[in-house]
Amino acid sequence: MDELATLQMRYDLTSLLARILRLLAENTAVTTNMIEVEHALTKDAPIAIHRLRRRLTSSGITVNFRRGVGYWIESEDRQRVMTAMQPDQLRLPLGDGGRGGELPAA
């Protein structure tokens, strides 16, 4: 499973909102221009951010905004999102009656 699909499942996001969340996690601040022009994610960044904020309320992640700076999430929230992008440990049957044991960490 790729990073975007993992974010979509963990935070119940559309693919567009997952791409914007990844952009926020990978950058200190994200401008409307970055969302709309540079990455061509949407033509209406404020509406997309509004939808993203609404979806993230239950997770405790807050998308901040300051005129002249742009949108950002706090560093601890960025770390949480980056961690959430990592796929869970792979589960395969390991001769345990088909219950699906975990592979040991390398």
Protein backbone atom coordinates (compact mmCIF):
# COMPACT_ATOMS: atom_id res chain seq x y z
CA MET A 1 0.00 0.00 0.00
CA ASP A 2 1.45 3.41 -0.91
CA GLU A 3 1.69 6.50 1.32
CA LEU A 4 -1.40 8.23 -0.06
CA ALA A 5 -3.60 5.16 0.30
CA THR A 6 -2.37 4.76 3.87
CA LEU A 7 -3.27 8.39 4.67
CA GLN A 8 -6.65 7.99 3.00
CA MET A 9 -7.48 4.98 5.17
CA ARG A 10 -6.07 6.33 8.44
CA TYR A 11 -7.76 9.73 8.25
CA ASP A 12 -10.75 8.91 5.99
CA LEU A 13 -9.60 11.29 3.24
CA THR A 14 -10.15 11.60 -0.48
CA SER A 15 -7.04 11.26 -2.64
CA LEU A 16 -6.94 15.06 -3.11
CA LEU A 17 -7.05 15.72 0.63
CA ALA A 18 -4.43 13.03 1.27
CA ARG A 19 -2.09 14.70 -1.25
CA ILE A 20 -2.58 18.08 0.45
CA LEU A 21 -1.94 16.53 3.89
CA ARG A 22 1.26 14.93 2.58
CA LEU A 23 2.32 18.32 1.16
CA LEU A 24 1.70 19.92 4.57
CA ALA A 25 3.67 17.17 6.32
CA GLU A 26 6.63 17.50 3.98
CA ASN A 27 6.89 21.32 4.14
CA THR A 28 7.18 23.88 6.91
CA ALA A 29 4.54 26.07 5.25
CA VAL A 30 2.40 25.61 2.14
CA THR A 31 1.03 28.55 0.19
CA THR A 32 -2.18 28.69 -1.79
CA ASN A 33 -0.01 29.07 -4.90
CA MET A 34 1.83 25.83 -4.10
CA ILE A 35 -1.45 23.94 -3.84
CA GLU A 36 -3.15 25.51 -6.85
CA VAL A 37 -0.32 26.15 -9.33
CA GLU A 38 2.94 24.39 -8.47
CA HIS A 39 1.37 21.06 -7.58
CA ALA A 40 -1.89 21.60 -9.53
CA LEU A 41 -3.89 19.84 -6.83
CA THR A 42 -7.01 22.03 -6.95
CA LYS A 43 -8.20 25.38 -8.25
CA ASP A 44 -9.64 26.40 -4.86
CA ALA A 45 -7.13 25.74 -2.08
CA PRO A 46 -9.13 27.45 0.73
CA ILE A 47 -12.11 25.15 0.13
CA ALA A 48 -9.87 22.07 0.02
CA ILE A 49 -8.17 23.13 3.27
CA HIS A 50 -11.59 23.68 4.87
CA ARG A 51 -12.58 20.12 3.91
CA LEU A 52 -9.25 18.76 5.17
CA ARG A 53 -9.65 20.55 8.51
CA ARG A 54 -13.14 19.11 8.90
CA ARG A 55 -11.88 15.57 8.23
CA LEU A 56 -8.94 15.95 10.64
CA THR A 57 -10.93 17.22 13.66
CA SER A 58 -11.23 13.78 15.25
CA SER A 59 -7.48 13.12 14.87
CA GLY A 60 -6.46 16.30 16.71
CA ILE A 61 -4.38 17.58 13.79
CA THR A 62 -4.91 21.29 13.20
CA VAL A 63 -4.14 23.09 9.94
CA ASN A 64 -3.06 26.65 10.76
CA PHE A 65 -3.04 29.69 8.48
CA ARG A 66 -1.37 33.09 8.60
CA ARG A 67 -1.61 35.65 5.84
CA GLY A 68 1.76 36.08 4.17
CA VAL A 69 2.98 32.70 5.48
CA GLY A 70 0.46 30.13 4.29
CA TYR A 71 -0.89 26.90 5.76
CA TRP A 72 1.05 24.67 8.13
CA ILE A 73 0.70 21.94 10.71
CA GLU A 74 2.76 21.94 13.90
CA SER A 75 5.96 19.88 13.94
CA GLU A 76 4.54 17.19 16.24
CA ASP A 77 1.52 16.83 13.93
CA ARG A 78 3.85 16.69 10.91
CA GLN A 79 5.70 13.85 12.63
CA ARG A 80 2.41 12.04 13.34
CA VAL A 81 1.40 12.32 9.68
CA MET A 82 4.81 11.16 8.46
CA THR A 83 4.56 8.16 10.79
CA ALA A 84 1.00 7.48 9.62
CA MET A 85 2.24 7.35 6.01
CA GLN A 86 4.36 4.31 6.82
CA PRO A 87 2.55 1.04 6.07
CA ASP A 88 1.80 -1.24 9.03
CA GLN A 89 3.94 -4.28 9.56
CA LEU A 90 3.26 -6.95 7.01
CA ARG A 91 1.08 -9.80 8.31
CA LEU A 92 1.47 -13.26 6.79
CA PRO A 93 0.49 -16.74 7.97
CA LEU A 94 3.54 -18.26 9.65
CA GLY A 95 2.35 -21.79 10.34
CA ASP A 96 0.26 -20.63 13.27
CA GLY A 97 -3.01 -22.14 12.14
CA GLY A 98 -3.74 -19.34 9.69
CA ARG A 99 -4.09 -16.66 12.36
CA GLY A 100 -1.55 -14.46 10.58
CA GLY A 101 1.46 -13.76 12.74
CA GLU A 102 3.68 -10.72 12.43
CA LEU A 103 7.03 -10.85 10.78
CA PRO A 104 9.89 -9.98 13.12
CA ALA A 105 11.39 -6.51 12.68
CA ALA A 106 14.64 -6.50 10.74
